[in-house]
């Protein structure tokens, strides 16, 4: 792989030091993991209870996706989010 191309690509995906750059990293990467660590068991039990009742197919898929997304937190995702946030300042 070309080193110059790799550096150009990394500069393009690097979040900006603006409010929106920092805010988007926090909202997209860090907040869902913190919510999953704090309320993951409650969210998982709620979504499982909703899926157990007869629902339209779209709602059932939405509840299943919510349960998968916020059912349990991932330390790897949290570390990646923090690393991207720190990377924005360098």
PDB file of N, CA and C in Angstrom:
ATOM      1  N   UNK A   1       0.848  -1.183   0.000  1.00  0.00           N
ATOM      2  CA  UNK A   1       0.000   0.000   0.000  1.00  0.00           C
ATOM      3  C   UNK A   1       0.892   1.246   0.000  1.00  0.00           C
ATOM      4  N   UNK A   2       0.493   2.226  -0.736  1.00  0.00           N
ATOM      5  CA  UNK A   2       1.241   3.466  -0.847  1.00  0.00           C
ATOM      6  C   UNK A   2       1.100   4.276   0.438  1.00  0.00           C
ATOM      7  N   UNK A   3       2.219   4.661   1.036  1.00  0.00           N
ATOM      8  CA  UNK A   3       2.211   5.389   2.311  1.00  0.00           C
ATOM      9  C   UNK A   3       1.561   6.772   2.156  1.00  0.00           C
ATOM     10  N   UNK A   4       1.814   7.428   1.043  1.00  0.00           N
ATOM     11  CA  UNK A   4       1.239   8.750   0.809  1.00  0.00           C
ATOM     12  C   UNK A   4      -0.284   8.672   0.720  1.00  0.00           C
ATOM     13  N   UNK A   5      -0.793   7.667   0.032  1.00  0.00           N
ATOM     14  CA  UNK A   5      -2.231   7.480  -0.097  1.00  0.00           C
ATOM     15  C   UNK A   5      -2.862   7.185   1.261  1.00  0.00           C
ATOM     16  N   UNK A   6      -2.191   6.384   2.069  1.00  0.00           N
ATOM     17  CA  UNK A   6      -2.688   6.074   3.402  1.00  0.00           C
ATOM     18  C   UNK A   6      -2.769   7.335   4.264  1.00  0.00           C
ATOM     19  N   UNK A   7      -1.741   8.169   4.241  1.00  0.00           N
ATOM     20  CA  UNK A   7      -1.759   9.405   5.029  1.00  0.00           C
ATOM     21  C   UNK A   7      -2.840  10.366   4.553  1.00  0.00           C
ATOM     22  N   UNK A   8      -3.050  10.460   3.246  1.00  0.00           N
ATOM     23  CA  UNK A   8      -4.110  11.318   2.714  1.00  0.00           C
ATOM     24  C   UNK A   8      -5.484  10.825   3.154  1.00  0.00           C
ATOM     25  N   UNK A   9      -5.675   9.519   3.129  1.00  0.00           N
ATOM     26  CA  UNK A   9      -6.949   8.941   3.543  1.00  0.00           C
ATOM     27  C   UNK A   9      -7.202   9.179   5.021  1.00  0.00           C
ATOM     28  N   UNK A  10      -6.174   9.008   5.843  1.00  0.00           N
ATOM     29  CA  UNK A  10      -6.329   9.260   7.278  1.00  0.00           C
ATOM     30  C   UNK A  10      -6.658  10.718   7.562  1.00  0.00           C
ATOM     31  N   UNK A  11      -6.087  11.634   6.818  1.00  0.00           N
ATOM     32  CA  UNK A  11      -6.396  13.059   7.008  1.00  0.00           C
ATOM     33  C   UNK A  11      -7.840  13.367   6.611  1.00  0.00           C
ATOM     34  N   UNK A  12      -8.355  12.644   5.626  1.00  0.00           N
ATOM     35  CA  UNK A  12      -9.738  12.877   5.199  1.00  0.00           C
ATOM     36  C   UNK A  12     -10.750  12.387   6.230  1.00  0.00           C
ATOM     37  N   UNK A  13     -10.445  11.287   6.923  1.00  0.00           N
ATOM     38  CA  UNK A  13     -11.397  10.734   7.884  1.00  0.00           C
ATOM     39  C   UNK A  13     -11.189  11.270   9.297  1.00  0.00           C
ATOM     40  N   UNK A  14     -10.129  12.014   9.520  1.00  0.00           N
ATOM     41  CA  UNK A  14      -9.869  12.572  10.848  1.00  0.00           C
ATOM     42  C   UNK A  14     -10.958  13.583  11.201  1.00  0.00           C
ATOM     43  N   UNK A  15     -11.547  13.448  12.412  1.00  0.00           N
ATOM     44  CA  UNK A  15     -12.569  14.419  12.806  1.00  0.00           C
ATOM     45  C   UNK A  15     -11.952  15.805  13.004  1.00  0.00           C
ATOM     46  N   UNK A  16     -12.725  16.818  12.707  1.00  0.00           N
ATOM     47  CA  UNK A  16     -12.229  18.182  12.841  1.00  0.00           C
ATOM     48  C   UNK A  16     -12.288  18.633  14.296  1.00  0.00           C
ATOM     49  N   UNK A  17     -11.565  19.685  14.599  1.00  0.00           N
ATOM     50  CA  UNK A  17     -11.550  20.229  15.956  1.00  0.00           C
ATOM     51  C   UNK A  17     -12.724  21.172  16.205  1.00  0.00           C
ATOM     52  N   UNK A  18     -13.716  21.119  15.363  1.00  0.00           N
ATOM     53  CA  UNK A  18     -14.881  21.972  15.536  1.00  0.00           C
ATOM     54  C   UNK A  18     -15.857  21.332  16.515  1.00  0.00           C
ATOM     55  N   UNK A  19     -16.868  22.093  16.874  1.00  0.00           N
ATOM     56  CA  UNK A  19     -17.908  21.580  17.765  1.00  0.00           C
ATOM     57  C   UNK A  19     -18.549  20.334  17.178  1.00  0.00           C
ATOM     58  N   UNK A  20     -18.886  20.384  15.886  1.00  0.00           N
ATOM     59  CA  UNK A  20     -19.590  19.270  15.251  1.00  0.00           C
ATOM     60  C   UNK A  20     -18.720  18.030  15.135  1.00  0.00           C
ATOM     61  N   UNK A  21     -17.426  18.199  14.929  1.00  0.00           N
ATOM     62  CA  UNK A  21     -16.529  17.051  14.860  1.00  0.00           C
ATOM     63  C   UNK A  21     -16.441  16.329  16.191  1.00  0.00           C
ATOM     64  N   UNK A  22     -16.245  17.092  17.262  1.00  0.00           N
ATOM     65  CA  UNK A  22     -16.150  16.511  18.598  1.00  0.00           C
ATOM     66  C   UNK A  22     -17.504  15.944  19.023  1.00  0.00           C
ATOM     67  N   UNK A  23     -18.570  16.682  18.769  1.00  0.00           N
ATOM     68  CA  UNK A  23     -19.912  16.245  19.142  1.00  0.00           C
ATOM     69  C   UNK A  23     -20.283  14.934  18.452  1.00  0.00           C
ATOM     70  N   UNK A  24     -19.951  14.814  17.178  1.00  0.00           N
ATOM     71  CA  UNK A  24     -20.307  13.603  16.449  1.00  0.00           C
ATOM     72  C   UNK A  24     -19.549  12.387  16.971  1.00  0.00           C
ATOM     73  N   UNK A  25     -18.284  12.545  17.330  1.00  0.00           N
ATOM     74  CA  UNK A  25     -17.528  11.424  17.901  1.00  0.00           C
ATOM     75  C   UNK A  25     -18.137  10.998  19.230  1.00  0.00           C
ATOM     76  N   UNK A  26     -18.502  11.965  20.054  1.00  0.00           N
ATOM     77  CA  UNK A  26     -19.095  11.648  21.353  1.00  0.00           C
ATOM     78  C   UNK A  26     -20.442  10.960  21.172  1.00  0.00           C
ATOM     79  N   UNK A  27     -21.292  11.480  20.293  1.00  0.00           N
ATOM     80  CA  UNK A  27     -22.641  10.929  20.118  1.00  0.00           C
ATOM     81  C   UNK A  27     -22.612   9.568  19.418  1.00  0.00           C
ATOM     82  N   UNK A  28     -21.764   9.396  18.432  1.00  0.00           N
ATOM     83  CA  UNK A  28     -21.779   8.167  17.642  1.00  0.00           C
ATOM     84  C   UNK A  28     -20.998   7.033  18.307  1.00  0.00           C
ATOM     85  N   UNK A  29     -19.870   7.323  18.934  1.00  0.00           N
ATOM     86  CA  UNK A  29     -19.029   6.261  19.462  1.00  0.00           C
ATOM     87  C   UNK A  29     -19.121   6.084  20.974  1.00  0.00           C
ATOM     88  N   UNK A  30     -19.106   7.161  21.726  1.00  0.00           N
ATOM     89  CA  UNK A  30     -18.944   7.049  23.171  1.00  0.00           C
ATOM     90  C   UNK A  30     -20.276   6.909  23.903  1.00  0.00           C
ATOM     91  N   UNK A  31     -21.255   7.741  23.596  1.00  0.00           N
ATOM     92  CA  UNK A  31     -22.528   7.732  24.317  1.00  0.00           C
ATOM     93  C   UNK A  31     -23.255   6.386  24.255  1.00  0.00           C
ATOM     94  N   UNK A  32     -23.373   5.720  23.097  1.00  0.00           N
ATOM     95  CA  UNK A  32     -24.078   4.425  23.101  1.00  0.00           C
ATOM     96  C   UNK A  32     -23.411   3.379  23.995  1.00  0.00           C
ATOM     97  N   UNK A  33     -22.102   3.404  24.075  1.00  0.00           N
ATOM     98  CA  UNK A  33     -21.415   2.431  24.921  1.00  0.00           C
ATOM     99  C   UNK A  33     -21.637   2.727  26.398  1.00  0.00           C
ATOM    100  N   UNK A  34     -21.619   3.987  26.768  1.00  0.00           N
ATOM    101  CA  UNK A  34     -21.880   4.346  28.167  1.00  0.00           C
ATOM    102  C   UNK A  34     -23.311   3.978  28.544  1.00  0.00           C
ATOM    103  N   UNK A  35     -24.256   4.263  27.661  1.00  0.00           N
ATOM    104  CA  UNK A  35     -25.656   3.887  27.909  1.00  0.00           C
ATOM    105  C   UNK A  35     -25.770   2.371  28.039  1.00  0.00           C
ATOM    106  N   UNK A  36     -25.074   1.630  27.184  1.00  0.00           N
ATOM    107  CA  UNK A  36     -25.137   0.167  27.236  1.00  0.00           C
ATOM    108  C   UNK A  36     -24.546  -0.375  28.531  1.00  0.00           C
ATOM    109  N   UNK A  37     -23.474   0.238  29.025  1.00  0.00           N
ATOM    110  CA  UNK A  37     -22.890  -0.223  30.280  1.00  0.00           C
ATOM    111  C   UNK A  37     -23.804   0.063  31.465  1.00  0.00           C
ATOM    112  N   UNK A  38     -24.460   1.211  31.461  1.00  0.00           N
ATOM    113  CA  UNK A  38     -25.285   1.598  32.609  1.00  0.00           C
ATOM    114  C   UNK A  38     -26.653   0.920  32.575  1.00  0.00           C
ATOM    115  N   UNK A  39     -27.362   1.000  31.442  1.00  0.00           N
ATOM    116  CA  UNK A  39     -28.738   0.512  31.352  1.00  0.00           C
ATOM    117  C   UNK A  39     -28.899  -0.677  30.418  1.00  0.00           C
ATOM    118  N   UNK A  40     -27.825  -1.356  30.082  1.00  0.00           N
ATOM    119  CA  UNK A  40     -27.887  -2.449  29.109  1.00  0.00           C
ATOM    120  C   UNK A  40     -28.823  -3.575  29.502  1.00  0.00           C
ATOM    121  N   UNK A  41     -28.773  -4.007  30.753  1.00  0.00           N
ATOM    122  CA  UNK A  41     -29.634  -5.110  31.194  1.00  0.00           C
ATOM    123  C   UNK A  41     -31.106  -4.708  31.147  1.00  0.00           C
ATOM    124  N   UNK A  42     -31.407  -3.479  31.561  1.00  0.00           N
ATOM    125  CA  UNK A  42     -32.787  -2.997  31.515  1.00  0.00           C
ATOM    126  C   UNK A  42     -33.296  -2.897  30.073  1.00  0.00           C
ATOM    127  N   UNK A  43     -32.462  -2.397  29.187  1.00  0.00           N
ATOM    128  CA  UNK A  43     -32.856  -2.260  27.783  1.00  0.00           C
ATOM    129  C   UNK A  43     -33.063  -3.637  27.162  1.00  0.00           C
ATOM    130  N   UNK A  44     -32.169  -4.569  27.477  1.00  0.00           N
ATOM    131  CA  UNK A  44     -32.285  -5.921  26.922  1.00  0.00           C
ATOM    132  C   UNK A  44     -33.558  -6.612  27.412  1.00  0.00           C
ATOM    133  N   UNK A  45     -33.870  -6.484  28.697  1.00  0.00           N
ATOM    134  CA  UNK A  45     -35.090  -7.118  29.204  1.00  0.00           C
ATOM    135  C   UNK A  45     -36.341  -6.454  28.622  1.00  0.00           C
ATOM    136  N   UNK A  46     -36.306  -5.132  28.431  1.00  0.00           N
ATOM    137  CA  UNK A  46     -37.438  -4.428  27.819  1.00  0.00           C
ATOM    138  C   UNK A  46     -37.658  -4.887  26.383  1.00  0.00           C
ATOM    139  N   UNK A  47     -36.586  -4.959  25.608  1.00  0.00           N
ATOM    140  CA  UNK A  47     -36.735  -5.357  24.209  1.00  0.00           C
ATOM    141  C   UNK A  47     -37.149  -6.823  24.095  1.00  0.00           C
ATOM    142  N   UNK A  48     -36.641  -7.683  24.972  1.00  0.00           N
ATOM    143  CA  UNK A  48     -37.063  -9.084  24.947  1.00  0.00           C
ATOM    144  C   UNK A  48     -38.545  -9.223  25.275  1.00  0.00           C
ATOM    145  N   UNK A  49     -39.027  -8.420  26.230  1.00  0.00           N
ATOM    146  CA  UNK A  49     -40.449  -8.468  26.582  1.00  0.00           C
ATOM    147  C   UNK A  49     -41.312  -7.961  25.424  1.00  0.00           C
ATOM    148  N   UNK A  50     -40.856  -6.925  24.737  1.00  0.00           N
ATOM    149  CA  UNK A  50     -41.620  -6.398  23.597  1.00  0.00           C
ATOM    150  C   UNK A  50     -41.659  -7.387  22.442  1.00  0.00           C
ATOM    151  N   UNK A  51     -40.543  -8.075  22.190  1.00  0.00           N
ATOM    152  CA  UNK A  51     -40.479  -9.030  21.084  1.00  0.00           C
ATOM    153  C   UNK A  51     -41.326 -10.262  21.390  1.00  0.00           C
ATOM    154  N   UNK A  52     -41.515 -10.573  22.668  1.00  0.00           N
ATOM    155  CA  UNK A  52     -42.317 -11.742  23.045  1.00  0.00           C
ATOM    156  C   UNK A  52     -43.801 -11.559  22.718  1.00  0.00           C
ATOM    157  N   UNK A  53     -44.247 -10.313  22.615  1.00  0.00           N
ATOM    158  CA  UNK A  53     -45.641 -10.048  22.254  1.00  0.00           C
ATOM    159  C   UNK A  53     -45.758  -9.968  20.731  1.00  0.00           C
ATOM    160  N   UNK A  54     -46.940 -10.249  20.186  1.00  0.00           N
ATOM    161  CA  UNK A  54     -47.101 -10.155  18.725  1.00  0.00           C
ATOM    162  C   UNK A  54     -46.962  -8.700  18.253  1.00  0.00           C
ATOM    163  N   UNK A  55     -46.057  -8.489  17.344  1.00  0.00           N
ATOM    164  CA  UNK A  55     -45.787  -7.153  16.794  1.00  0.00           C
ATOM    165  C   UNK A  55     -45.724  -7.235  15.274  1.00  0.00           C
ATOM    166  N   UNK A  56     -45.951  -6.106  14.610  1.00  0.00           N
ATOM    167  CA  UNK A  56     -45.660  -6.070  13.168  1.00  0.00           C
ATOM    168  C   UNK A  56     -44.166  -6.336  12.942  1.00  0.00           C
ATOM    169  N   UNK A  57     -43.838  -6.870  11.807  1.00  0.00           N
ATOM    170  CA  UNK A  57     -42.472  -7.311  11.527  1.00  0.00           C
ATOM    171  C   UNK A  57     -41.451  -6.182  11.660  1.00  0.00           C
ATOM    172  N   UNK A  58     -41.781  -4.980  11.194  1.00  0.00           N
ATOM    173  CA  UNK A  58     -40.841  -3.860  11.284  1.00  0.00           C
ATOM    174  C   UNK A  58     -40.554  -3.487  12.733  1.00  0.00           C
ATOM    175  N   UNK A  59     -41.580  -3.476  13.566  1.00  0.00           N
ATOM    176  CA  UNK A  59     -41.370  -3.153  14.972  1.00  0.00           C
ATOM    177  C   UNK A  59     -40.549  -4.226  15.664  1.00  0.00           C
ATOM    178  N   UNK A  60     -40.817  -5.476  15.323  1.00  0.00           N
ATOM    179  CA  UNK A  60     -40.049  -6.566  15.918  1.00  0.00           C
ATOM    180  C   UNK A  60     -38.568  -6.433  15.572  1.00  0.00           C
ATOM    181  N   UNK A  61     -38.269  -6.147  14.318  1.00  0.00           N
ATOM    182  CA  UNK A  61     -36.879  -5.954  13.912  1.00  0.00           C
ATOM    183  C   UNK A  61     -36.257  -4.741  14.596  1.00  0.00           C
ATOM    184  N   UNK A  62     -37.024  -3.677  14.773  1.00  0.00           N
ATOM    185  CA  UNK A  62     -36.507  -2.480  15.437  1.00  0.00           C
ATOM    186  C   UNK A  62     -36.162  -2.776  16.895  1.00  0.00           C
ATOM    187  N   UNK A  63     -37.033  -3.503  17.595  1.00  0.00           N
ATOM    188  CA  UNK A  63     -36.742  -3.844  18.990  1.00  0.00           C
ATOM    189  C   UNK A  63     -35.554  -4.797  19.099  1.00  0.00           C
ATOM    190  N   UNK A  64     -35.459  -5.750  18.169  1.00  0.00           N
ATOM    191  CA  UNK A  64     -34.313  -6.649  18.177  1.00  0.00           C
ATOM    192  C   UNK A  64     -33.014  -5.886  17.927  1.00  0.00           C
ATOM    193  N   UNK A  65     -33.041  -4.934  17.007  1.00  0.00           N
ATOM    194  CA  UNK A  65     -31.846  -4.136  16.719  1.00  0.00           C
ATOM    195  C   UNK A  65     -31.461  -3.277  17.916  1.00  0.00           C
ATOM    196  N   UNK A  66     -32.452  -2.705  18.580  1.00  0.00           N
ATOM    197  CA  UNK A  66     -32.174  -1.906  19.776  1.00  0.00           C
ATOM    198  C   UNK A  66     -31.560  -2.764  20.871  1.00  0.00           C
ATOM    199  N   UNK A  67     -32.079  -3.967  21.044  1.00  0.00           N
ATOM    200  CA  UNK A  67     -31.530  -4.877  22.041  1.00  0.00           C
ATOM    201  C   UNK A  67     -30.104  -5.289  21.713  1.00  0.00           C
ATOM    202  N   UNK A  68     -29.815  -5.508  20.442  1.00  0.00           N
ATOM    203  CA  UNK A  68     -28.453  -5.867  20.036  1.00  0.00           C
ATOM    204  C   UNK A  68     -27.497  -4.684  20.182  1.00  0.00           C
ATOM    205  N   UNK A  69     -27.968  -3.497  19.850  1.00  0.00           N
ATOM    206  CA  UNK A  69     -27.117  -2.316  19.898  1.00  0.00           C
ATOM    207  C   UNK A  69     -26.782  -1.912  21.326  1.00  0.00           C
ATOM    208  N   UNK A  70     -27.784  -1.892  22.191  1.00  0.00           N
ATOM    209  CA  UNK A  70     -27.580  -1.382  23.539  1.00  0.00           C
ATOM    210  C   UNK A  70     -27.713  -2.450  24.618  1.00  0.00           C
ATOM    211  N   UNK A  71     -27.737  -3.711  24.244  1.00  0.00           N
ATOM    212  CA  UNK A  71     -27.904  -4.775  25.223  1.00  0.00           C
ATOM    213  C   UNK A  71     -26.724  -4.924  26.154  1.00  0.00           C
ATOM    214  N   UNK A  72     -25.535  -4.819  25.635  1.00  0.00           N
ATOM    215  CA  UNK A  72     -24.342  -4.880  26.468  1.00  0.00           C
ATOM    216  C   UNK A  72     -23.261  -4.017  25.835  1.00  0.00           C
ATOM    217  N   UNK A  73     -22.480  -3.378  26.678  1.00  0.00           N
ATOM    218  CA  UNK A  73     -21.453  -2.468  26.198  1.00  0.00           C
ATOM    219  C   UNK A  73     -20.203  -3.205  25.741  1.00  0.00           C
ATOM    220  N   UNK A  74     -19.415  -2.537  24.942  1.00  0.00           N
ATOM    221  CA  UNK A  74     -18.174  -3.098  24.437  1.00  0.00           C
ATOM    222  C   UNK A  74     -17.023  -2.178  24.818  1.00  0.00           C
ATOM    223  N   UNK A  75     -16.085  -2.733  25.547  1.00  0.00           N
ATOM    224  CA  UNK A  75     -14.915  -1.932  25.922  1.00  0.00           C
ATOM    225  C   UNK A  75     -14.107  -1.541  24.699  1.00  0.00           C
ATOM    226  N   UNK A  76     -14.051  -2.411  23.705  1.00  0.00           N
ATOM    227  CA  UNK A  76     -13.296  -2.115  22.493  1.00  0.00           C
ATOM    228  C   UNK A  76     -13.874  -0.890  21.779  1.00  0.00           C
ATOM    229  N   UNK A  77     -15.192  -0.843  21.627  1.00  0.00           N
ATOM    230  CA  UNK A  77     -15.824   0.305  20.976  1.00  0.00           C
ATOM    231  C   UNK A  77     -15.603   1.591  21.772  1.00  0.00           C
ATOM    232  N   UNK A  78     -15.660   1.491  23.090  1.00  0.00           N
ATOM    233  CA  UNK A  78     -15.436   2.669  23.927  1.00  0.00           C
ATOM    234  C   UNK A  78     -14.000   3.168  23.785  1.00  0.00           C
ATOM    235  N   UNK A  79     -13.044   2.263  23.770  1.00  0.00           N
ATOM    236  CA  UNK A  79     -11.639   2.642  23.611  1.00  0.00           C
ATOM    237  C   UNK A  79     -11.394   3.251  22.233  1.00  0.00           C
ATOM    238  N   UNK A  80     -12.018   2.680  21.204  1.00  0.00           N
ATOM    239  CA  UNK A  80     -11.881   3.235  19.857  1.00  0.00           C
ATOM    240  C   UNK A  80     -12.465   4.647  19.801  1.00  0.00           C
ATOM    241  N   UNK A  81     -13.624   4.855  20.415  1.00  0.00           N
ATOM    242  CA  UNK A  81     -14.228   6.184  20.445  1.00  0.00           C
ATOM    243  C   UNK A  81     -13.356   7.201  21.158  1.00  0.00           C
ATOM    244  N   UNK A  82     -12.773   6.814  22.281  1.00  0.00           N
ATOM    245  CA  UNK A  82     -11.892   7.720  23.018  1.00  0.00           C
ATOM    246  C   UNK A  82     -10.634   7.997  22.210  1.00  0.00           C
ATOM    247  N   UNK A  83     -10.096   6.977  21.534  1.00  0.00           N
ATOM    248  CA  UNK A  83      -8.907   7.174  20.695  1.00  0.00           C
ATOM    249  C   UNK A  83      -9.197   8.142  19.543  1.00  0.00           C
ATOM    250  N   UNK A  84     -10.367   8.019  18.931  1.00  0.00           N
ATOM    251  CA  UNK A  84     -10.719   8.946  17.842  1.00  0.00           C
ATOM    252  C   UNK A  84     -10.887  10.355  18.383  1.00  0.00           C
ATOM    253  N   UNK A  85     -11.463  10.484  19.569  1.00  0.00           N
ATOM    254  CA  UNK A  85     -11.628  11.802  20.184  1.00  0.00           C
ATOM    255  C   UNK A  85     -10.270  12.431  20.482  1.00  0.00           C
ATOM    256  N   UNK A  86      -9.338  11.655  20.988  1.00  0.00           N
ATOM    257  CA  UNK A  86      -7.990  12.177  21.248  1.00  0.00           C
ATOM    258  C   UNK A  86      -7.281  12.509  19.935  1.00  0.00           C
ATOM    259  N   UNK A  87      -7.474  11.662  18.926  1.00  0.00           N
ATOM    260  CA  UNK A  87      -6.854  11.872  17.616  1.00  0.00           C
ATOM    261  C   UNK A  87      -7.304  13.198  16.991  1.00  0.00           C
ATOM    262  N   UNK A  88      -8.507  13.621  17.293  1.00  0.00           N
ATOM    263  CA  UNK A  88      -9.021  14.872  16.721  1.00  0.00           C
ATOM    264  C   UNK A  88      -8.198  16.082  17.178  1.00  0.00           C
ATOM    265  N   UNK A  89      -7.550  15.979  18.325  1.00  0.00           N
ATOM    266  CA  UNK A  89      -6.790  17.108  18.858  1.00  0.00           C
ATOM    267  C   UNK A  89      -5.335  17.111  18.438  1.00  0.00           C
ATOM    268  N   UNK A  90      -4.893  16.075  17.726  1.00  0.00           N
ATOM    269  CA  UNK A  90      -3.487  16.036  17.281  1.00  0.00           C
ATOM    270  C   UNK A  90      -3.374  16.210  15.796  1.00  0.00           C
TER     271      UNK A  90
END
